[in-house]
Amino acid sequence: PIVQRILDQVGDPIGVAGHAIDVTLWIGEACFPEHG
């Protein structure tokens, strides 16, 4: 759910200093102790 909320936040362009910027995020997860 946290991952989905992060991706949902960039579903629309982010407004920065008068610019609407399309943002793409890529998220990778690793878990302790399963992965190291």
PDB file of all heavy atoms in Angstrom:
ATOM      1  N   PRO A   1       0.819  -1.229   0.000  1.00  0.00           N
ATOM      2  CA  PRO A   1       0.000   0.000   0.000  1.00  0.00           C
ATOM      3  C   PRO A   1       0.843   1.266   0.000  1.00  0.00           C
ATOM      4  O   PRO A   1       0.466   2.259  -0.634  1.00  0.00           O
ATOM      5  CB  PRO A   1      -0.824  -0.131   1.288  1.00  0.00           C
ATOM      6  CG  PRO A   1      -0.936  -1.603   1.510  1.00  0.00           C
ATOM      7  CD  PRO A   1       0.394  -2.157   1.066  1.00  0.00           C
ATOM      8  N   ILE A   2       1.970   1.268   0.706  1.00  0.00           N
ATOM      9  CA  ILE A   2       2.840   2.441   0.708  1.00  0.00           C
ATOM     10  C   ILE A   2       3.420   2.663  -0.686  1.00  0.00           C
ATOM     11  O   ILE A   2       3.477   3.791  -1.178  1.00  0.00           O
ATOM     12  CB  ILE A   2       3.961   2.285   1.749  1.00  0.00           C
ATOM     13  CG1 ILE A   2       3.383   2.451   3.161  1.00  0.00           C
ATOM     14  CG2 ILE A   2       5.085   3.280   1.506  1.00  0.00           C
ATOM     15  CD1 ILE A   2       4.410   2.317   4.261  1.00  0.00           C
ATOM     16  N   VAL A   3       3.838   1.586  -1.322  1.00  0.00           N
ATOM     17  CA  VAL A   3       4.365   1.691  -2.677  1.00  0.00           C
ATOM     18  C   VAL A   3       3.311   2.272  -3.609  1.00  0.00           C
ATOM     19  O   VAL A   3       3.583   3.166  -4.416  1.00  0.00           O
ATOM     20  CB  VAL A   3       4.838   0.315  -3.187  1.00  0.00           C
ATOM     21  CG1 VAL A   3       5.180   0.386  -4.671  1.00  0.00           C
ATOM     22  CG2 VAL A   3       6.034  -0.168  -2.392  1.00  0.00           C
ATOM     23  N   GLN A   4       2.092   1.771  -3.501  1.00  0.00           N
ATOM     24  CA  GLN A   4       1.026   2.256  -4.369  1.00  0.00           C
ATOM     25  C   GLN A   4       0.725   3.724  -4.119  1.00  0.00           C
ATOM     26  O   GLN A   4       0.472   4.490  -5.058  1.00  0.00           O
ATOM     27  CB  GLN A   4      -0.240   1.418  -4.169  1.00  0.00           C
ATOM     28  CG  GLN A   4      -1.290   1.654  -5.251  1.00  0.00           C
ATOM     29  CD  GLN A   4      -0.736   1.380  -6.644  1.00  0.00           C
ATOM     30  OE1 GLN A   4      -0.212   0.315  -6.927  1.00  0.00           O
ATOM     31  NE2 GLN A   4      -0.823   2.373  -7.525  1.00  0.00           N
ATOM     32  N   ARG A   5       0.776   4.136  -2.849  1.00  0.00           N
ATOM     33  CA  ARG A   5       0.539   5.550  -2.551  1.00  0.00           C
ATOM     34  C   ARG A   5       1.629   6.426  -3.162  1.00  0.00           C
ATOM     35  O   ARG A   5       1.350   7.527  -3.654  1.00  0.00           O
ATOM     36  CB  ARG A   5       0.465   5.772  -1.038  1.00  0.00           C
ATOM     37  CG  ARG A   5      -0.821   5.268  -0.406  1.00  0.00           C
ATOM     38  CD  ARG A   5      -1.102   5.950   0.916  1.00  0.00           C
ATOM     39  NE  ARG A   5      -0.128   5.625   1.939  1.00  0.00           N
ATOM     40  CZ  ARG A   5      -0.192   4.567   2.743  1.00  0.00           C
ATOM     41  NH1 ARG A   5      -1.195   3.703   2.616  1.00  0.00           N
ATOM     42  NH2 ARG A   5       0.729   4.352   3.658  1.00  0.00           N
ATOM     43  N   ILE A   6       2.864   5.937  -3.135  1.00  0.00           N
ATOM     44  CA  ILE A   6       3.964   6.701  -3.750  1.00  0.00           C
ATOM     45  C   ILE A   6       3.733   6.833  -5.255  1.00  0.00           C
ATOM     46  O   ILE A   6       3.836   7.925  -5.827  1.00  0.00           O
ATOM     47  CB  ILE A   6       5.317   6.021  -3.471  1.00  0.00           C
ATOM     48  CG1 ILE A   6       5.659   6.111  -1.973  1.00  0.00           C
ATOM     49  CG2 ILE A   6       6.423   6.670  -4.303  1.00  0.00           C
ATOM     50  CD1 ILE A   6       6.893   5.312  -1.581  1.00  0.00           C
ATOM     51  N   LEU A   7       3.398   5.727  -5.918  1.00  0.00           N
ATOM     52  CA  LEU A   7       3.171   5.766  -7.368  1.00  0.00           C
ATOM     53  C   LEU A   7       1.951   6.605  -7.713  1.00  0.00           C
ATOM     54  O   LEU A   7       1.938   7.316  -8.730  1.00  0.00           O
ATOM     55  CB  LEU A   7       3.029   4.351  -7.913  1.00  0.00           C
ATOM     56  CG  LEU A   7       4.292   3.477  -7.855  1.00  0.00           C
ATOM     57  CD1 LEU A   7       3.989   2.062  -8.322  1.00  0.00           C
ATOM     58  CD2 LEU A   7       5.420   4.080  -8.681  1.00  0.00           C
ATOM     59  N   ASP A   8       0.924   6.553  -6.874  1.00  0.00           N
ATOM     60  CA  ASP A   8      -0.269   7.361  -7.130  1.00  0.00           C
ATOM     61  C   ASP A   8       0.038   8.855  -7.075  1.00  0.00           C
ATOM     62  O   ASP A   8      -0.571   9.654  -7.788  1.00  0.00           O
ATOM     63  CB  ASP A   8      -1.365   7.027  -6.111  1.00  0.00           C
ATOM     64  CG  ASP A   8      -1.990   5.658  -6.356  1.00  0.00           C
ATOM     65  OD1 ASP A   8      -1.800   5.108  -7.457  1.00  0.00           O
ATOM     66  OD2 ASP A   8      -2.653   5.132  -5.441  1.00  0.00           O
ATOM     67  N   GLN A   9       0.978   9.225  -6.216  1.00  0.00           N
ATOM     68  CA  GLN A   9       1.324  10.638  -6.061  1.00  0.00           C
ATOM     69  C   GLN A   9       1.940  11.226  -7.320  1.00  0.00           C
ATOM     70  O   GLN A   9       1.901  12.442  -7.534  1.00  0.00           O
ATOM     71  CB  GLN A   9       2.293  10.825  -4.883  1.00  0.00           C
ATOM     72  CG  GLN A   9       1.658  10.662  -3.518  1.00  0.00           C
ATOM     73  CD  GLN A   9       0.687  11.778  -3.195  1.00  0.00           C
ATOM     74  OE1 GLN A   9       1.006  12.942  -3.331  1.00  0.00           O
ATOM     75  NE2 GLN A   9      -0.514  11.415  -2.783  1.00  0.00           N
ATOM     76  N   VAL A  10       2.546  10.390  -8.160  1.00  0.00           N
ATOM     77  CA  VAL A  10       3.150  10.887  -9.396  1.00  0.00           C
ATOM     78  C   VAL A  10       2.327  10.497 -10.613  1.00  0.00           C
ATOM     79  O   VAL A  10       2.814  10.535 -11.743  1.00  0.00           O
ATOM     80  CB  VAL A  10       4.613  10.396  -9.547  1.00  0.00           C
ATOM     81  CG1 VAL A  10       5.469  10.978  -8.448  1.00  0.00           C
ATOM     82  CG2 VAL A  10       4.691   8.877  -9.546  1.00  0.00           C
ATOM     83  N   GLY A  11       1.078  10.113 -10.384  1.00  0.00           N
ATOM     84  CA  GLY A  11       0.194   9.817 -11.508  1.00  0.00           C
ATOM     85  C   GLY A  11      -0.100  11.050 -12.339  1.00  0.00           C
ATOM     86  O   GLY A  11      -0.322  10.972 -13.548  1.00  0.00           O
ATOM     87  N   ASP A  12      -0.118  12.227 -11.682  1.00  0.00           N
ATOM     88  CA  ASP A  12      -0.292  13.507 -12.363  1.00  0.00           C
ATOM     89  C   ASP A  12       1.018  14.290 -12.293  1.00  0.00           C
ATOM     90  O   ASP A  12       1.842  14.057 -11.401  1.00  0.00           O
ATOM     91  CB  ASP A  12      -1.409  14.317 -11.699  1.00  0.00           C
ATOM     92  CG  ASP A  12      -2.764  13.623 -11.814  1.00  0.00           C
ATOM     93  OD1 ASP A  12      -3.046  13.073 -12.896  1.00  0.00           O
ATOM     94  OD2 ASP A  12      -3.523  13.639 -10.826  1.00  0.00           O
ATOM     95  N   PRO A  13       1.221  15.220 -13.216  1.00  0.00           N
ATOM     96  CA  PRO A  13       2.450  16.026 -13.171  1.00  0.00           C
ATOM     97  C   PRO A  13       2.601  16.756 -11.838  1.00  0.00           C
ATOM     98  O   PRO A  13       1.621  17.141 -11.199  1.00  0.00           O
ATOM     99  CB  PRO A  13       2.259  17.014 -14.332  1.00  0.00           C
ATOM    100  CG  PRO A  13       1.321  16.320 -15.273  1.00  0.00           C
ATOM    101  CD  PRO A  13       0.386  15.540 -14.399  1.00  0.00           C
ATOM    102  N   ILE A  14       3.846  16.957 -11.424  1.00  0.00           N
ATOM    103  CA  ILE A  14       4.155  17.682 -10.192  1.00  0.00           C
ATOM    104  C   ILE A  14       4.462  19.132 -10.548  1.00  0.00           C
ATOM    105  O   ILE A  14       5.270  19.405 -11.436  1.00  0.00           O
ATOM    106  CB  ILE A  14       5.350  17.045  -9.463  1.00  0.00           C
ATOM    107  CG1 ILE A  14       4.979  15.627  -8.996  1.00  0.00           C
ATOM    108  CG2 ILE A  14       5.785  17.886  -8.273  1.00  0.00           C
ATOM    109  CD1 ILE A  14       6.119  14.900  -8.305  1.00  0.00           C
ATOM    110  N   GLY A  15       3.805  20.043  -9.853  1.00  0.00           N
ATOM    111  CA  GLY A  15       4.022  21.454 -10.107  1.00  0.00           C
ATOM    112  C   GLY A  15       5.261  21.970  -9.394  1.00  0.00           C
ATOM    113  O   GLY A  15       5.375  21.840  -8.174  1.00  0.00           O
ATOM    114  N   VAL A  16       6.197  22.533 -10.158  1.00  0.00           N
ATOM    115  CA  VAL A  16       7.428  23.092  -9.587  1.00  0.00           C
ATOM    116  C   VAL A  16       7.715  24.430 -10.265  1.00  0.00           C
ATOM    117  O   VAL A  16       7.960  24.463 -11.476  1.00  0.00           O
ATOM    118  CB  VAL A  16       8.631  22.145  -9.780  1.00  0.00           C
ATOM    119  CG1 VAL A  16       9.894  22.758  -9.200  1.00  0.00           C
ATOM    120  CG2 VAL A  16       8.372  20.788  -9.147  1.00  0.00           C
ATOM    121  N   ALA A  17       7.659  25.510  -9.498  1.00  0.00           N
ATOM    122  CA  ALA A  17       8.004  26.858  -9.996  1.00  0.00           C
ATOM    123  C   ALA A  17       7.281  27.182 -11.293  1.00  0.00           C
ATOM    124  O   ALA A  17       7.872  27.722 -12.241  1.00  0.00           O
ATOM    125  CB  ALA A  17       9.518  26.976 -10.184  1.00  0.00           C
ATOM    126  N   GLY A  18       5.998  26.871 -11.340  1.00  0.00           N
ATOM    127  CA  GLY A  18       5.212  27.187 -12.518  1.00  0.00           C
ATOM    128  C   GLY A  18       5.289  26.171 -13.636  1.00  0.00           C
ATOM    129  O   GLY A  18       4.632  26.329 -14.669  1.00  0.00           O
ATOM    130  N   HIS A  19       6.084  25.122 -13.459  1.00  0.00           N
ATOM    131  CA  HIS A  19       6.207  24.064 -14.463  1.00  0.00           C
ATOM    132  C   HIS A  19       5.458  22.813 -13.995  1.00  0.00           C
ATOM    133  O   HIS A  19       5.520  22.459 -12.819  1.00  0.00           O
ATOM    134  CB  HIS A  19       7.672  23.706 -14.711  1.00  0.00           C
ATOM    135  CG  HIS A  19       8.511  24.847 -15.180  1.00  0.00           C
ATOM    136  ND1 HIS A  19       8.504  25.306 -16.468  1.00  0.00           N
ATOM    137  CD2 HIS A  19       9.397  25.634 -14.500  1.00  0.00           C
ATOM    138  CE1 HIS A  19       9.339  26.327 -16.582  1.00  0.00           C
ATOM    139  NE2 HIS A  19       9.898  26.543 -15.399  1.00  0.00           N
ATOM    140  N   ALA A  20       4.766  22.166 -14.911  1.00  0.00           N
ATOM    141  CA  ALA A  20       4.129  20.874 -14.617  1.00  0.00           C
ATOM    142  C   ALA A  20       5.032  19.784 -15.181  1.00  0.00           C
ATOM    143  O   ALA A  20       5.160  19.644 -16.407  1.00  0.00           O
ATOM    144  CB  ALA A  20       2.741  20.800 -15.236  1.00  0.00           C
ATOM    145  N   ILE A  21       5.670  19.023 -14.300  1.00  0.00           N
ATOM    146  CA  ILE A  21       6.684  18.057 -14.723  1.00  0.00           C
ATOM    147  C   ILE A  21       6.164  16.631 -14.552  1.00  0.00           C
ATOM    148  O   ILE A  21       5.757  16.228 -13.457  1.00  0.00           O
ATOM    149  CB  ILE A  21       7.982  18.249 -13.910  1.00  0.00           C
ATOM    150  CG1 ILE A  21       8.511  19.677 -14.088  1.00  0.00           C
ATOM    151  CG2 ILE A  21       9.034  17.235 -14.338  1.00  0.00           C
ATOM    152  CD1 ILE A  21       9.750  19.970 -13.271  1.00  0.00           C
ATOM    153  N   ASP A  22       6.176  15.883 -15.655  1.00  0.00           N
ATOM    154  CA  ASP A  22       5.823  14.464 -15.590  1.00  0.00           C
ATOM    155  C   ASP A  22       6.962  13.707 -14.915  1.00  0.00           C
ATOM    156  O   ASP A  22       8.120  13.809 -15.334  1.00  0.00           O
ATOM    157  CB  ASP A  22       5.596  13.886 -16.989  1.00  0.00           C
ATOM    158  CG  ASP A  22       4.287  14.365 -17.603  1.00  0.00           C
ATOM    159  OD1 ASP A  22       3.282  14.404 -16.888  1.00  0.00           O
ATOM    160  OD2 ASP A  22       4.291  14.699 -18.797  1.00  0.00           O
ATOM    161  N   VAL A  23       6.631  12.955 -13.891  1.00  0.00           N
ATOM    162  CA  VAL A  23       7.643  12.234 -13.127  1.00  0.00           C
ATOM    163  C   VAL A  23       7.366  10.736 -13.198  1.00  0.00           C
ATOM    164  O   VAL A  23       6.223  10.294 -13.025  1.00  0.00           O
ATOM    165  CB  VAL A  23       7.659  12.681 -11.650  1.00  0.00           C
ATOM    166  CG1 VAL A  23       8.648  11.838 -10.840  1.00  0.00           C
ATOM    167  CG2 VAL A  23       8.027  14.159 -11.555  1.00  0.00           C
ATOM    168  N   THR A  24       8.400   9.973 -13.475  1.00  0.00           N
ATOM    169  CA  THR A  24       8.319   8.518 -13.458  1.00  0.00           C
ATOM    170  C   THR A  24       9.184   8.005 -12.315  1.00  0.00           C
ATOM    171  O   THR A  24      10.338   8.414 -12.178  1.00  0.00           O
ATOM    172  CB  THR A  24       8.829   7.923 -14.784  1.00  0.00           C
ATOM    173  OG1 THR A  24       8.044   8.428 -15.860  1.00  0.00           O
ATOM    174  CG2 THR A  24       8.722   6.405 -14.766  1.00  0.00           C
ATOM    175  N   LEU A  25       8.622   7.136 -11.484  1.00  0.00           N
ATOM    176  CA  LEU A  25       9.376   6.533 -10.390  1.00  0.00           C
ATOM    177  C   LEU A  25       9.480   5.031 -10.602  1.00  0.00           C
ATOM    178  O   LEU A  25       8.535   4.386 -11.069  1.00  0.00           O
ATOM    179  CB  LEU A  25       8.693   6.804  -9.040  1.00  0.00           C
ATOM    180  CG  LEU A  25       8.577   8.257  -8.591  1.00  0.00           C
ATOM    181  CD1 LEU A  25       7.921   8.329  -7.210  1.00  0.00           C
ATOM    182  CD2 LEU A  25       9.932   8.945  -8.559  1.00  0.00           C
ATOM    183  N   TRP A  26      10.643   4.483 -10.235  1.00  0.00           N
ATOM    184  CA  TRP A  26      10.860   3.033 -10.255  1.00  0.00           C
ATOM    185  C   TRP A  26      11.261   2.629  -8.838  1.00  0.00           C
ATOM    186  O   TRP A  26      12.147   3.245  -8.239  1.00  0.00           O
ATOM    187  CB  TRP A  26      11.967   2.661 -11.238  1.00  0.00           C
ATOM    188  CG  TRP A  26      11.805   3.300 -12.586  1.00  0.00           C
ATOM    189  CD1 TRP A  26      12.423   4.415 -13.046  1.00  0.00           C
ATOM    190  CD2 TRP A  26      10.950   2.857 -13.639  1.00  0.00           C
ATOM    191  NE1 TRP A  26      12.023   4.699 -14.328  1.00  0.00           N
ATOM    192  CE2 TRP A  26      11.116   3.765 -14.716  1.00  0.00           C
ATOM    193  CE3 TRP A  26      10.063   1.789 -13.777  1.00  0.00           C
ATOM    194  CZ2 TRP A  26      10.438   3.643 -15.921  1.00  0.00           C
ATOM    195  CZ3 TRP A  26       9.390   1.669 -14.982  1.00  0.00           C
ATOM    196  CH2 TRP A  26       9.580   2.573 -16.032  1.00  0.00           C
ATOM    197  N   ILE A  27      10.618   1.592  -8.311  1.00  0.00           N
ATOM    198  CA  ILE A  27      10.833   1.214  -6.912  1.00  0.00           C
ATOM    199  C   ILE A  27      11.262  -0.249  -6.823  1.00  0.00           C
ATOM    200  O   ILE A  27      10.591  -1.135  -7.359  1.00  0.00           O
ATOM    201  CB  ILE A  27       9.565   1.428  -6.069  1.00  0.00           C
ATOM    202  CG1 ILE A  27       9.072   2.885  -6.218  1.00  0.00           C
ATOM    203  CG2 ILE A  27       9.828   1.108  -4.600  1.00  0.00           C
ATOM    204  CD1 ILE A  27       7.770   3.162  -5.500  1.00  0.00           C
ATOM    205  N   GLY A  28      12.397  -0.478  -6.150  1.00  0.00           N
ATOM    206  CA  GLY A  28      12.872  -1.837  -5.907  1.00  0.00           C
ATOM    207  C   GLY A  28      12.936  -2.107  -4.419  1.00  0.00           C
ATOM    208  O   GLY A  28      13.348  -1.237  -3.635  1.00  0.00           O
ATOM    209  N   GLU A  29      12.528  -3.309  -4.004  1.00  0.00           N
ATOM    210  CA  GLU A  29      12.485  -3.670  -2.585  1.00  0.00           C
ATOM    211  C   GLU A  29      13.358  -4.888  -2.314  1.00  0.00           C
ATOM    212  O   GLU A  29      13.398  -5.835  -3.104  1.00  0.00           O
ATOM    213  CB  GLU A  29      11.049  -3.989  -2.154  1.00  0.00           C
ATOM    214  CG  GLU A  29      10.938  -4.467  -0.709  1.00  0.00           C
ATOM    215  CD  GLU A  29       9.550  -5.000  -0.351  1.00  0.00           C
ATOM    216  OE1 GLU A  29       8.694  -5.098  -1.250  1.00  0.00           O
ATOM    217  OE2 GLU A  29       9.322  -5.327   0.832  1.00  0.00           O
ATOM    218  N   ALA A  30      14.062  -4.867  -1.193  1.00  0.00           N
ATOM    219  CA  ALA A  30      14.763  -6.043  -0.673  1.00  0.00           C
ATOM    220  C   ALA A  30      14.422  -6.181   0.800  1.00  0.00           C
ATOM    221  O   ALA A  30      14.225  -5.173   1.503  1.00  0.00           O
ATOM    222  CB  ALA A  30      16.269  -5.921  -0.865  1.00  0.00           C
ATOM    223  N   CYS A  31      14.338  -7.422   1.283  1.00  0.00           N
ATOM    224  CA  CYS A  31      13.858  -7.685   2.645  1.00  0.00           C
ATOM    225  C   CYS A  31      14.924  -8.392   3.486  1.00  0.00           C
ATOM    226  O   CYS A  31      15.623  -9.285   3.002  1.00  0.00           O
ATOM    227  CB  CYS A  31      12.597  -8.545   2.598  1.00  0.00           C
ATOM    228  SG  CYS A  31      11.240  -7.809   1.667  1.00  0.00           S
ATOM    229  N   PHE A  32      15.006  -7.971   4.734  1.00  0.00           N
ATOM    230  CA  PHE A  32      15.834  -8.662   5.727  1.00  0.00           C
ATOM    231  C   PHE A  32      14.925  -9.565   6.550  1.00  0.00           C
ATOM    232  O   PHE A  32      13.859  -9.144   6.992  1.00  0.00           O
ATOM    233  CB  PHE A  32      16.504  -7.644   6.661  1.00  0.00           C
ATOM    234  CG  PHE A  32      17.158  -8.270   7.862  1.00  0.00           C
ATOM    235  CD1 PHE A  32      18.456  -8.741   7.787  1.00  0.00           C
ATOM    236  CD2 PHE A  32      16.463  -8.420   9.066  1.00  0.00           C
ATOM    237  CE1 PHE A  32      19.058  -9.337   8.893  1.00  0.00           C
ATOM    238  CE2 PHE A  32      17.048  -9.012  10.167  1.00  0.00           C
ATOM    239  CZ  PHE A  32      18.355  -9.468  10.079  1.00  0.00           C
ATOM    240  N   PRO A  33      15.304 -10.834   6.753  1.00  0.00           N
ATOM    241  CA  PRO A  33      16.572 -11.469   6.375  1.00  0.00           C
ATOM    242  C   PRO A  33      16.517 -12.262   5.075  1.00  0.00           C
ATOM    243  O   PRO A  33      17.507 -12.896   4.711  1.00  0.00           O
ATOM    244  CB  PRO A  33      16.818 -12.404   7.560  1.00  0.00           C
ATOM    245  CG  PRO A  33      15.434 -12.851   7.940  1.00  0.00           C
ATOM    246  CD  PRO A  33      14.532 -11.663   7.698  1.00  0.00           C
ATOM    247  N   GLU A  34      15.361 -12.267   4.379  1.00  0.00           N
ATOM    248  CA  GLU A  34      15.196 -13.143   3.224  1.00  0.00           C
ATOM    249  C   GLU A  34      16.232 -12.893   2.128  1.00  0.00           C
ATOM    250  O   GLU A  34      16.715 -13.844   1.489  1.00  0.00           O
ATOM    251  CB  GLU A  34      13.795 -12.973   2.621  1.00  0.00           C
ATOM    252  CG  GLU A  34      12.658 -13.483   3.498  1.00  0.00           C
ATOM    253  CD  GLU A  34      12.142 -12.417   4.442  1.00  0.00           C
ATOM    254  OE1 GLU A  34      12.789 -11.354   4.575  1.00  0.00           O
ATOM    255  OE2 GLU A  34      11.091 -12.646   5.054  1.00  0.00           O
ATOM    256  N   HIS A  35      16.592 -11.639   1.909  1.00  0.00           N
ATOM    257  CA  HIS A  35      17.443 -11.305   0.763  1.00  0.00           C
ATOM    258  C   HIS A  35      18.863 -10.911   1.145  1.00  0.00           C
ATOM    259  O   HIS A  35      19.667 -10.581   0.258  1.00  0.00           O
ATOM    260  CB  HIS A  35      16.798 -10.170  -0.040  1.00  0.00           C
ATOM    261  CG  HIS A  35      15.449 -10.509  -0.559  1.00  0.00           C
ATOM    262  ND1 HIS A  35      14.409  -9.596  -0.642  1.00  0.00           N
ATOM    263  CD2 HIS A  35      14.941 -11.683  -1.010  1.00  0.00           C
ATOM    264  CE1 HIS A  35      13.343 -10.178  -1.136  1.00  0.00           C
ATOM    265  NE2 HIS A  35      13.635 -11.449  -1.368  1.00  0.00           N
ATOM    266  N   GLY A  36      19.193 -10.948   2.411  1.00  0.00           N
ATOM    267  CA  GLY A  36      20.541 -10.585   2.828  1.00  0.00           C
ATOM    268  C   GLY A  36      20.572 -10.129   4.266  1.00  0.00           C
ATOM    269  O   GLY A  36      19.529  -9.827   4.864  1.00  0.00           O
TER     270      GLY A  36
END
